[in-house]
Amino acid sequence: MILRELRPALSLVIIFTLLTGFILPEAFTGAMQLALPWQANGSLITQNGQAIGSALIGQNFTAAKYFQPRPSALSPNPYTENTSGASNLGPTSAALLTNVQTRIAAYTKAFGPGQVPADAVTTSGSGLDPDISLVNALRQSASVAAARKRPVGTVTDLVNRLADHPAFGIIGTDNVNVLQLNLALDRLPAQ
């Protein structure tokens, strides 16, 4: 009698395990490989046939000739592909205030006086944000142009051309992918 009552329950467990644990994930993976292969494979950016990064994971650029990413809460090795996380510091945290003030001073020193965009001094929730705001990128343009000995207008035009804008004009913000922007800078013809 117990076996007769357990058989339907065990059968359902096995059927739903196969369906939801194996068949559906494989079907979705196959469909996405056909419909959106670049995205399904990690949005990898390649150069000369070699993967050099992902459009979804930020990279740490420190040279003056490159646009700087959003700060990462992960230290001492920011933007490593196998870690993710935030600082978990609350808005009343003295450590958060000190970190932000230090970043404001460094940003102002690097890019001159003026308004400092919030994403230039605060970390993202993942610590791996690949984008910076358009305002942040435009603010960095003059310094990057000077380091590359290029006209500011050339760099600013490139930033504006690569900027992503809100969907339907309301969903999201104006931002720029730092890796794609820096690669585009490297591809500019020599002057």
N, C-alpha and C. Protein backbone atom coordinates (compact mmCIF):
# COMPACT_ATOMS: atom_id res chain seq x y z
N MET A 1 0.82 -1.19 0.00
CA MET A 1 0.00 0.00 0.00
C MET A 1 0.87 1.26 0.00
N ILE A 2 1.95 1.25 0.78
CA ILE A 2 2.82 2.42 0.82
C ILE A 2 3.49 2.62 -0.54
N LEU A 3 3.90 1.53 -1.19
CA LEU A 3 4.54 1.63 -2.49
C LEU A 3 3.58 2.22 -3.53
N ARG A 4 2.31 1.85 -3.43
CA ARG A 4 1.31 2.36 -4.36
C ARG A 4 1.12 3.87 -4.19
N GLU A 5 1.25 4.39 -2.98
CA GLU A 5 1.12 5.83 -2.73
C GLU A 5 2.39 6.59 -3.08
N LEU A 6 3.55 5.97 -2.91
CA LEU A 6 4.82 6.62 -3.22
C LEU A 6 5.13 6.66 -4.72
N ARG A 7 4.68 5.66 -5.46
CA ARG A 7 4.98 5.57 -6.89
C ARG A 7 4.60 6.84 -7.65
N PRO A 8 3.38 7.39 -7.52
CA PRO A 8 3.05 8.62 -8.26
C PRO A 8 3.93 9.81 -7.84
N ALA A 9 4.22 9.90 -6.56
CA ALA A 9 5.06 11.01 -6.10
C ALA A 9 6.46 10.90 -6.65
N LEU A 10 7.06 9.71 -6.58
CA LEU A 10 8.41 9.51 -7.13
C LEU A 10 8.42 9.71 -8.65
N SER A 11 7.39 9.26 -9.33
CA SER A 11 7.30 9.45 -10.78
C SER A 11 7.28 10.93 -11.13
N LEU A 12 6.49 11.71 -10.39
CA LEU A 12 6.44 13.16 -10.65
C LEU A 12 7.78 13.83 -10.37
N VAL A 13 8.46 13.43 -9.32
CA VAL A 13 9.78 14.00 -9.01
C VAL A 13 10.74 13.72 -10.16
N ILE A 14 10.75 12.49 -10.64
CA ILE A 14 11.65 12.13 -11.74
C ILE A 14 11.27 12.87 -13.02
N ILE A 15 10.00 12.92 -13.35
CA ILE A 15 9.55 13.61 -14.57
C ILE A 15 9.89 15.10 -14.52
N PHE A 16 9.57 15.77 -13.40
CA PHE A 16 9.84 17.20 -13.31
C PHE A 16 11.33 17.51 -13.19
N THR A 17 12.10 16.60 -12.60
CA THR A 17 13.55 16.78 -12.57
C THR A 17 14.12 16.74 -13.98
N LEU A 18 13.68 15.75 -14.76
CA LEU A 18 14.15 15.67 -16.14
C LEU A 18 13.68 16.87 -16.96
N LEU A 19 12.41 17.24 -16.78
CA LEU A 19 11.86 18.35 -17.56
C LEU A 19 12.49 19.69 -17.21
N THR A 20 12.46 20.03 -15.92
CA THR A 20 12.95 21.36 -15.53
C THR A 20 14.45 21.42 -15.27
N GLY A 21 15.08 20.27 -15.05
CA GLY A 21 16.51 20.27 -14.76
C GLY A 21 17.37 20.01 -15.97
N PHE A 22 16.80 19.38 -17.00
CA PHE A 22 17.62 19.02 -18.17
C PHE A 22 17.00 19.47 -19.49
N ILE A 23 15.77 19.05 -19.77
CA ILE A 23 15.17 19.30 -21.08
C ILE A 23 14.94 20.79 -21.34
N LEU A 24 14.25 21.49 -20.43
CA LEU A 24 13.98 22.92 -20.64
C LEU A 24 15.25 23.77 -20.69
N PRO A 25 16.21 23.60 -19.77
CA PRO A 25 17.43 24.40 -19.88
C PRO A 25 18.17 24.16 -21.20
N GLU A 26 18.24 22.91 -21.66
CA GLU A 26 18.91 22.63 -22.93
C GLU A 26 18.15 23.25 -24.11
N ALA A 27 16.83 23.20 -24.06
CA ALA A 27 16.01 23.79 -25.13
C ALA A 27 16.20 25.32 -25.17
N PHE A 28 16.18 25.96 -23.99
CA PHE A 28 16.38 27.41 -23.94
C PHE A 28 17.79 27.79 -24.40
N THR A 29 18.78 27.02 -23.98
CA THR A 29 20.16 27.30 -24.38
C THR A 29 20.30 27.18 -25.89
N GLY A 30 19.74 26.12 -26.47
CA GLY A 30 19.79 25.94 -27.92
C GLY A 30 19.07 27.06 -28.67
N ALA A 31 17.92 27.45 -28.17
CA ALA A 31 17.16 28.53 -28.82
C ALA A 31 17.93 29.86 -28.77
N MET A 32 18.55 30.14 -27.64
CA MET A 32 19.31 31.38 -27.52
C MET A 32 20.59 31.35 -28.36
N GLN A 33 21.19 30.17 -28.51
CA GLN A 33 22.37 30.05 -29.38
C GLN A 33 21.99 30.38 -30.82
N LEU A 34 20.78 30.03 -31.21
CA LEU A 34 20.32 30.34 -32.57
C LEU A 34 19.89 31.80 -32.70
N ALA A 35 19.13 32.29 -31.72
CA ALA A 35 18.55 33.63 -31.82
C ALA A 35 19.55 34.74 -31.47
N LEU A 36 20.33 34.56 -30.41
CA LEU A 36 21.24 35.61 -29.93
C LEU A 36 22.60 34.99 -29.56
N PRO A 37 23.37 34.52 -30.55
CA PRO A 37 24.60 33.80 -30.22
C PRO A 37 25.64 34.64 -29.48
N TRP A 38 25.79 35.93 -29.82
CA TRP A 38 26.79 36.77 -29.16
C TRP A 38 26.47 36.91 -27.68
N GLN A 39 25.21 37.20 -27.36
CA GLN A 39 24.79 37.36 -25.97
C GLN A 39 24.84 36.02 -25.22
N ALA A 40 24.44 34.94 -25.87
CA ALA A 40 24.40 33.63 -25.21
C ALA A 40 25.80 33.14 -24.86
N ASN A 41 26.79 33.64 -25.55
CA ASN A 41 28.16 33.20 -25.30
C ASN A 41 28.95 34.20 -24.48
N GLY A 42 28.28 35.07 -23.74
CA GLY A 42 28.96 35.96 -22.79
C GLY A 42 29.28 37.33 -23.31
N SER A 43 28.78 37.72 -24.49
CA SER A 43 29.04 39.04 -25.08
C SER A 43 30.54 39.33 -25.12
N LEU A 44 31.30 38.33 -25.58
CA LEU A 44 32.75 38.46 -25.62
C LEU A 44 33.19 39.40 -26.75
N ILE A 45 34.14 40.24 -26.42
CA ILE A 45 34.73 41.15 -27.40
C ILE A 45 36.07 40.56 -27.80
N THR A 46 36.25 40.39 -29.12
CA THR A 46 37.48 39.78 -29.61
C THR A 46 38.30 40.78 -30.40
N GLN A 47 39.58 40.53 -30.41
CA GLN A 47 40.51 41.35 -31.19
C GLN A 47 41.54 40.39 -31.77
N ASN A 48 41.65 40.38 -33.08
CA ASN A 48 42.55 39.45 -33.78
C ASN A 48 42.25 38.00 -33.41
N GLY A 49 40.97 37.67 -33.29
CA GLY A 49 40.55 36.32 -32.99
C GLY A 49 40.70 35.90 -31.54
N GLN A 50 41.16 36.80 -30.69
CA GLN A 50 41.40 36.50 -29.27
C GLN A 50 40.37 37.25 -28.41
N ALA A 51 39.72 36.54 -27.49
CA ALA A 51 38.78 37.20 -26.56
C ALA A 51 39.59 38.08 -25.61
N ILE A 52 39.23 39.36 -25.54
CA ILE A 52 39.96 40.29 -24.66
C ILE A 52 39.09 40.82 -23.53
N GLY A 53 37.84 40.47 -23.53
CA GLY A 53 36.95 40.93 -22.47
C GLY A 53 35.51 40.68 -22.84
N SER A 54 34.64 41.07 -21.95
CA SER A 54 33.21 40.95 -22.16
C SER A 54 32.58 42.33 -22.04
N ALA A 55 31.57 42.57 -22.84
CA ALA A 55 30.84 43.83 -22.75
C ALA A 55 30.03 43.91 -21.47
N LEU A 56 29.95 42.81 -20.73
CA LEU A 56 29.13 42.75 -19.52
C LEU A 56 29.92 42.87 -18.23
N ILE A 57 31.26 42.80 -18.32
CA ILE A 57 32.10 42.85 -17.12
C ILE A 57 33.13 43.95 -17.29
N GLY A 58 33.18 44.85 -16.32
CA GLY A 58 34.13 45.96 -16.38
C GLY A 58 35.57 45.49 -16.30
N GLN A 59 36.46 46.34 -16.78
CA GLN A 59 37.89 46.09 -16.70
C GLN A 59 38.55 47.31 -16.09
N ASN A 60 39.67 47.08 -15.45
CA ASN A 60 40.38 48.15 -14.77
C ASN A 60 41.37 48.81 -15.72
N PHE A 61 41.09 50.03 -16.12
CA PHE A 61 42.01 50.82 -16.94
C PHE A 61 42.59 51.92 -16.06
N THR A 62 43.90 52.02 -16.02
CA THR A 62 44.52 53.02 -15.16
C THR A 62 45.36 54.04 -15.93
N ALA A 63 45.74 53.75 -17.16
CA ALA A 63 46.57 54.68 -17.93
C ALA A 63 45.76 55.92 -18.29
N ALA A 64 46.43 57.07 -18.31
CA ALA A 64 45.77 58.34 -18.58
C ALA A 64 45.15 58.39 -19.98
N LYS A 65 45.63 57.58 -20.91
CA LYS A 65 45.10 57.60 -22.28
C LYS A 65 43.80 56.83 -22.42
N TYR A 66 43.34 56.22 -21.32
CA TYR A 66 42.10 55.47 -21.34
C TYR A 66 41.05 56.08 -20.42
N PHE A 67 39.78 55.87 -20.79
CA PHE A 67 38.68 56.27 -19.91
C PHE A 67 38.69 55.36 -18.69
N GLN A 68 38.44 55.94 -17.55
CA GLN A 68 38.47 55.20 -16.29
C GLN A 68 37.09 54.59 -16.01
N PRO A 69 37.05 53.35 -15.51
CA PRO A 69 35.77 52.73 -15.19
C PRO A 69 35.22 53.25 -13.88
N ARG A 70 34.04 52.79 -13.57
CA ARG A 70 33.44 53.09 -12.27
C ARG A 70 34.28 52.41 -11.19
N PRO A 71 34.42 53.01 -10.02
CA PRO A 71 35.20 52.35 -8.97
C PRO A 71 34.61 50.99 -8.60
N SER A 72 35.47 50.09 -8.22
CA SER A 72 35.04 48.76 -7.80
C SER A 72 35.26 48.62 -6.30
N ALA A 73 34.31 48.01 -5.63
CA ALA A 73 34.44 47.78 -4.18
C ALA A 73 35.36 46.61 -3.89
N LEU A 74 35.74 45.88 -4.93
CA LEU A 74 36.57 44.70 -4.76
C LEU A 74 38.03 45.11 -4.76
N SER A 75 38.68 44.95 -3.65
CA SER A 75 40.09 45.27 -3.61
C SER A 75 40.81 44.13 -2.90
N PRO A 76 42.04 43.92 -3.13
CA PRO A 76 42.98 44.76 -3.87
C PRO A 76 42.95 44.54 -5.37
N ASN A 77 42.19 43.56 -5.88
CA ASN A 77 42.16 43.26 -7.31
C ASN A 77 40.80 43.56 -7.91
N PRO A 78 40.54 44.82 -8.26
CA PRO A 78 39.22 45.13 -8.82
C PRO A 78 39.05 44.53 -10.22
N TYR A 79 37.83 44.26 -10.55
CA TYR A 79 37.45 43.78 -11.87
C TYR A 79 38.08 42.46 -12.24
N THR A 80 38.18 41.54 -11.29
CA THR A 80 38.58 40.19 -11.63
C THR A 80 37.34 39.39 -11.95
N GLU A 81 37.44 38.52 -12.95
CA GLU A 81 36.25 37.85 -13.47
C GLU A 81 35.63 36.83 -12.53
N ASN A 82 36.36 36.42 -11.50
CA ASN A 82 35.82 35.37 -10.64
C ASN A 82 35.28 35.89 -9.31
N THR A 83 35.21 37.20 -9.15
CA THR A 83 34.64 37.75 -7.92
C THR A 83 33.64 38.84 -8.25
N SER A 84 32.70 39.00 -7.38
CA SER A 84 31.70 40.03 -7.55
C SER A 84 31.18 40.39 -6.17
N GLY A 85 30.83 41.65 -5.99
CA GLY A 85 30.25 42.04 -4.71
C GLY A 85 30.35 43.52 -4.47
N ALA A 86 29.62 43.95 -3.49
CA ALA A 86 29.60 45.36 -3.12
C ALA A 86 30.27 45.53 -1.77
N SER A 87 30.45 46.77 -1.38
CA SER A 87 31.09 47.04 -0.09
C SER A 87 30.13 46.81 1.07
N ASN A 88 28.83 46.88 0.79
CA ASN A 88 27.79 46.75 1.81
C ASN A 88 27.87 47.85 2.88
N LEU A 89 28.45 48.98 2.52
CA LEU A 89 28.50 50.11 3.44
C LEU A 89 27.21 50.90 3.28
N GLY A 90 26.57 51.21 4.39
CA GLY A 90 25.31 51.95 4.36
C GLY A 90 25.52 53.44 4.19
N PRO A 91 24.45 54.18 3.92
CA PRO A 91 24.57 55.61 3.66
C PRO A 91 25.08 56.42 4.85
N THR A 92 25.01 55.89 6.05
CA THR A 92 25.51 56.62 7.22
C THR A 92 26.89 56.14 7.64
N SER A 93 27.50 55.29 6.83
CA SER A 93 28.80 54.72 7.15
C SER A 93 29.91 55.77 7.01
N ALA A 94 30.74 55.90 8.04
CA ALA A 94 31.89 56.81 7.98
C ALA A 94 32.90 56.33 6.95
N ALA A 95 33.05 55.02 6.81
CA ALA A 95 33.99 54.48 5.82
C ALA A 95 33.54 54.82 4.40
N LEU A 96 32.23 54.74 4.14
CA LEU A 96 31.71 55.10 2.82
C LEU A 96 31.98 56.57 2.54
N LEU A 97 31.72 57.43 3.49
CA LEU A 97 31.96 58.87 3.32
C LEU A 97 33.43 59.14 3.03
N THR A 98 34.31 58.49 3.75
CA THR A 98 35.76 58.66 3.53
C THR A 98 36.15 58.18 2.14
N ASN A 99 35.63 57.02 1.73
CA ASN A 99 35.93 56.48 0.39
C ASN A 99 35.48 57.44 -0.70
N VAL A 100 34.26 57.96 -0.57
CA VAL A 100 33.73 58.87 -1.58
C VAL A 100 34.53 60.17 -1.62
N GLN A 101 34.87 60.71 -0.47
CA GLN A 101 35.66 61.95 -0.44
C GLN A 101 37.04 61.73 -1.07
N THR A 102 37.65 60.59 -0.81
CA THR A 102 38.95 60.27 -1.41
C THR A 102 38.82 60.16 -2.93
N ARG A 103 37.76 59.52 -3.39
CA ARG A 103 37.55 59.37 -4.84
C ARG A 103 37.25 60.71 -5.49
N ILE A 104 36.50 61.58 -4.82
CA ILE A 104 36.22 62.91 -5.36
C ILE A 104 37.52 63.68 -5.54
N ALA A 105 38.40 63.63 -4.54
CA ALA A 105 39.68 64.33 -4.64
C ALA A 105 40.52 63.77 -5.79
N ALA A 106 40.56 62.45 -5.94
CA ALA A 106 41.34 61.83 -7.02
C ALA A 106 40.75 62.17 -8.39
N TYR A 107 39.43 62.16 -8.50
CA TYR A 107 38.76 62.46 -9.77
C TYR A 107 39.02 63.92 -10.16
N THR A 108 38.90 64.81 -9.20
CA THR A 108 39.14 66.24 -9.47
C THR A 108 40.59 66.47 -9.86
N LYS A 109 41.51 65.78 -9.23
CA LYS A 109 42.93 65.91 -9.58
C LYS A 109 43.18 65.41 -11.00
N ALA A 110 42.55 64.30 -11.38
CA ALA A 110 42.76 63.71 -12.69
C ALA A 110 42.05 64.47 -13.81
N PHE A 111 40.85 64.97 -13.54
CA PHE A 111 40.03 65.53 -14.61
C PHE A 111 39.67 66.99 -14.43
N GLY A 112 40.25 67.65 -13.46
CA GLY A 112 40.04 69.07 -13.25
C GLY A 112 38.84 69.38 -12.38
N PRO A 113 38.74 70.64 -11.98
CA PRO A 113 37.64 71.04 -11.10
C PRO A 113 36.30 71.00 -11.83
N GLY A 114 35.25 70.89 -11.06
CA GLY A 114 33.91 70.87 -11.64
C GLY A 114 33.06 69.80 -11.00
N GLN A 115 31.87 69.66 -11.53
CA GLN A 115 30.90 68.67 -11.03
C GLN A 115 31.48 67.26 -11.19
N VAL A 116 31.37 66.46 -10.16
CA VAL A 116 31.85 65.08 -10.20
C VAL A 116 30.63 64.16 -10.29
N PRO A 117 30.53 63.38 -11.38
CA PRO A 117 29.38 62.48 -11.52
C PRO A 117 29.36 61.43 -10.40
N ALA A 118 28.17 61.07 -9.97
CA ALA A 118 28.03 60.12 -8.86
C ALA A 118 28.67 58.77 -9.19
N ASP A 119 28.53 58.31 -10.44
CA ASP A 119 29.10 57.00 -10.77
C ASP A 119 30.62 57.02 -10.82
N ALA A 120 31.23 58.18 -10.77
CA ALA A 120 32.69 58.28 -10.75
C ALA A 120 33.26 58.04 -9.36
N VAL A 121 32.42 58.13 -8.34
CA VAL A 121 32.93 58.02 -6.96
C VAL A 121 32.19 56.99 -6.11
N THR A 122 31.18 56.33 -6.68
CA THR A 122 30.46 55.29 -5.96
C THR A 122 30.57 53.98 -6.73
N THR A 123 30.56 52.87 -6.00
CA THR A 123 30.67 51.57 -6.64
C THR A 123 29.30 51.03 -6.99
N SER A 124 29.29 50.08 -7.91
CA SER A 124 28.03 49.45 -8.28
C SER A 124 27.75 48.28 -7.34
N GLY A 125 26.56 47.74 -7.41
CA GLY A 125 26.19 46.62 -6.56
C GLY A 125 27.00 45.37 -6.84
N SER A 126 27.38 45.15 -8.09
CA SER A 126 28.16 43.96 -8.44
C SER A 126 29.66 44.18 -8.28
N GLY A 127 30.09 45.43 -8.38
CA GLY A 127 31.52 45.71 -8.36
C GLY A 127 32.17 45.46 -9.70
N LEU A 128 31.38 45.12 -10.72
CA LEU A 128 31.91 44.78 -12.05
C LEU A 128 31.22 45.56 -13.17
N ASP A 129 30.66 46.71 -12.87
CA ASP A 129 29.88 47.48 -13.83
C ASP A 129 30.74 47.85 -15.05
N PRO A 130 30.33 47.48 -16.27
CA PRO A 130 31.13 47.77 -17.45
C PRO A 130 30.92 49.17 -18.02
N ASP A 131 29.90 49.88 -17.55
CA ASP A 131 29.53 51.17 -18.13
C ASP A 131 29.79 52.31 -17.16
N ILE A 132 29.99 53.50 -17.76
CA ILE A 132 29.98 54.74 -16.99
C ILE A 132 28.93 55.64 -17.62
N SER A 133 28.48 56.61 -16.87
CA SER A 133 27.47 57.53 -17.40
C SER A 133 28.07 58.36 -18.53
N LEU A 134 27.21 58.82 -19.41
CA LEU A 134 27.67 59.68 -20.50
C LEU A 134 28.30 60.95 -19.94
N VAL A 135 27.73 61.48 -18.87
CA VAL A 135 28.28 62.68 -18.23
C VAL A 135 29.71 62.41 -17.75
N ASN A 136 29.94 61.27 -17.15
CA ASN A 136 31.26 60.89 -16.67
C ASN A 136 32.24 60.77 -17.84
N ALA A 137 31.82 60.11 -18.91
CA ALA A 137 32.69 59.94 -20.08
C ALA A 137 33.02 61.30 -20.72
N LEU A 138 32.03 62.15 -20.84
CA LEU A 138 32.29 63.48 -21.43
C LEU A 138 33.23 64.29 -20.55
N ARG A 139 33.09 64.12 -19.24
CA ARG A 139 33.95 64.85 -18.29
C ARG A 139 35.40 64.39 -18.41
N GLN A 140 35.62 63.11 -18.73
CA GLN A 140 36.96 62.57 -18.87
C GLN A 140 37.57 62.84 -20.25
N SER A 141 36.75 63.23 -21.22
CA SER A 141 37.19 63.37 -22.61
C SER A 141 38.39 64.28 -22.80
N ALA A 142 38.40 65.44 -22.16
CA ALA A 142 39.51 66.40 -22.36
C ALA A 142 40.83 65.81 -21.89
N SER A 143 40.83 65.13 -20.76
CA SER A 143 42.07 64.53 -20.24
C SER A 143 42.55 63.39 -21.12
N VAL A 144 41.63 62.56 -21.58
CA VAL A 144 42.01 61.45 -22.46
C VAL A 144 42.54 62.00 -23.78
N ALA A 145 41.88 63.01 -24.32
CA ALA A 145 42.34 63.63 -25.56
C ALA A 145 43.75 64.21 -25.39
N ALA A 146 44.00 64.88 -24.28
CA ALA A 146 45.32 65.45 -24.02
C ALA A 146 46.38 64.35 -23.92
N ALA A 147 46.07 63.26 -23.24
CA ALA A 147 47.02 62.16 -23.08
C ALA A 147 47.33 61.50 -24.42
N ARG A 148 46.37 61.52 -25.33
CA ARG A 148 46.55 60.91 -26.65
C ARG A 148 46.98 61.93 -27.71
N LYS A 149 47.09 63.19 -27.30
CA LYS A 149 47.45 64.27 -28.22
C LYS A 149 46.51 64.31 -29.43
N ARG A 150 45.22 64.32 -29.10
CA ARG A 150 44.15 64.38 -30.10
C ARG A 150 43.24 65.55 -29.78
N PRO A 151 42.54 66.06 -30.77
CA PRO A 151 41.58 67.12 -30.49
C PRO A 151 40.45 66.61 -29.59
N VAL A 152 40.03 67.45 -28.65
CA VAL A 152 38.95 67.07 -27.73
C VAL A 152 37.70 66.71 -28.51
N GLY A 153 37.42 67.43 -29.57
CA GLY A 153 36.22 67.16 -30.37
C GLY A 153 36.20 65.76 -30.95
N THR A 154 37.35 65.24 -31.35
CA THR A 154 37.42 63.88 -31.90
C THR A 154 37.03 62.86 -30.83
N VAL A 155 37.56 63.03 -29.63
CA VAL A 155 37.26 62.10 -28.54
C VAL A 155 35.80 62.25 -28.10
N THR A 156 35.33 63.47 -27.98
CA THR A 156 33.94 63.72 -27.58
C THR A 156 32.97 63.14 -28.61
N ASP A 157 33.27 63.30 -29.90
CA ASP A 157 32.41 62.72 -30.94
C ASP A 157 32.35 61.20 -30.82
N LEU A 158 33.49 60.59 -30.53
CA LEU A 158 33.52 59.14 -30.36
C LEU A 158 32.67 58.71 -29.16
N VAL A 159 32.79 59.43 -28.06
CA VAL A 159 31.99 59.13 -26.86
C VAL A 159 30.50 59.21 -27.20
N ASN A 160 30.10 60.28 -27.84
CA ASN A 160 28.68 60.46 -28.19
C ASN A 160 28.20 59.41 -29.17
N ARG A 161 29.06 59.01 -30.09
CA ARG A 161 28.68 58.00 -31.07
C ARG A 161 28.48 56.62 -30.42
N LEU A 162 29.28 56.30 -29.39
CA LEU A 162 29.19 55.00 -28.74
C LEU A 162 28.23 54.96 -27.55
N ALA A 163 27.64 56.09 -27.22
CA ALA A 163 26.75 56.16 -26.06
C ALA A 163 25.46 55.37 -26.31
N ASP A 164 25.02 54.70 -25.27
CA ASP A 164 23.72 54.04 -25.28
C ASP A 164 22.73 54.97 -24.58
N HIS A 165 21.56 55.11 -25.17
CA HIS A 165 20.56 56.02 -24.62
C HIS A 165 19.38 55.21 -24.06
N PRO A 166 18.58 55.81 -23.20
CA PRO A 166 17.45 55.09 -22.60
C PRO A 166 16.51 54.51 -23.66
N ALA A 167 16.06 53.28 -23.42
CA ALA A 167 15.09 52.65 -24.32
C ALA A 167 13.78 53.43 -24.25
N PHE A 168 13.24 53.72 -25.39
CA PHE A 168 11.99 54.48 -25.51
C PHE A 168 12.10 55.86 -24.86
N GLY A 169 13.33 56.30 -24.62
CA GLY A 169 13.56 57.61 -24.03
C GLY A 169 13.33 57.68 -22.52
N ILE A 170 12.95 56.56 -21.89
CA ILE A 170 12.65 56.61 -20.45
C ILE A 170 13.24 55.46 -19.63
N ILE A 171 13.58 54.34 -20.28
CA ILE A 171 14.04 53.16 -19.53
C ILE A 171 15.57 53.12 -19.57
N GLY A 172 16.20 53.39 -18.43
CA GLY A 172 17.65 53.39 -18.35
C GLY A 172 18.22 54.79 -18.34
N THR A 173 19.53 54.87 -18.52
CA THR A 173 20.23 56.15 -18.51
C THR A 173 21.19 56.21 -19.69
N ASP A 174 21.70 57.40 -19.97
CA ASP A 174 22.73 57.56 -20.99
C ASP A 174 24.03 57.02 -20.41
N ASN A 175 24.62 56.02 -21.08
CA ASN A 175 25.88 55.47 -20.59
C ASN A 175 26.76 55.02 -21.74
N VAL A 176 28.01 54.69 -21.40
CA VAL A 176 28.99 54.26 -22.39
C VAL A 176 29.73 53.06 -21.83
N ASN A 177 29.93 52.03 -22.66
CA ASN A 177 30.70 50.86 -22.25
C ASN A 177 32.18 51.23 -22.33
N VAL A 178 32.88 51.16 -21.22
CA VAL A 178 34.27 51.62 -21.11
C VAL A 178 35.20 50.79 -21.99
N LEU A 179 35.06 49.48 -21.99
CA LEU A 179 35.93 48.63 -22.80
C LEU A 179 35.76 48.94 -24.28
N GLN A 180 34.53 49.02 -24.74
CA GLN A 180 34.29 49.31 -26.15
C GLN A 180 34.79 50.70 -26.53
N LEU A 181 34.64 51.66 -25.64
CA LEU A 181 35.12 53.01 -25.89
C LEU A 181 36.65 53.04 -25.98
N ASN A 182 37.32 52.39 -25.05
CA ASN A 182 38.78 52.38 -25.07
C ASN A 182 39.34 51.63 -26.28
N LEU A 183 38.67 50.56 -26.70
CA LEU A 183 39.10 49.85 -27.90
C LEU A 183 38.90 50.72 -29.14
N ALA A 184 37.79 51.45 -29.19
CA ALA A 184 37.55 52.35 -30.32
C ALA A 184 38.60 53.46 -30.36
N LEU A 185 39.04 53.94 -29.21
CA LEU A 185 40.10 54.93 -29.16
C LEU A 185 41.40 54.37 -29.74
N ASP A 186 41.71 53.14 -29.38
CA ASP A 186 42.93 52.50 -29.90
C ASP A 186 42.86 52.29 -31.40
N ARG A 187 41.67 52.18 -31.97
CA ARG A 187 41.51 51.95 -33.42
C ARG A 187 41.52 53.24 -34.22
N LEU A 188 41.46 54.39 -33.56
CA LEU A 188 41.47 55.66 -34.31
C LEU A 188 42.75 55.75 -35.13
N PRO A 189 42.64 56.25 -36.37
CA PRO A 189 43.85 56.36 -37.19
C PRO A 189 44.85 57.34 -36.59
N ALA A 190 46.12 57.06 -36.84
CA ALA A 190 47.19 57.91 -36.33
C ALA A 190 47.09 59.29 -36.96
N GLN A 191 47.53 60.28 -36.21
CA GLN A 191 47.49 61.66 -36.72
C GLN A 191 48.84 62.07 -37.21
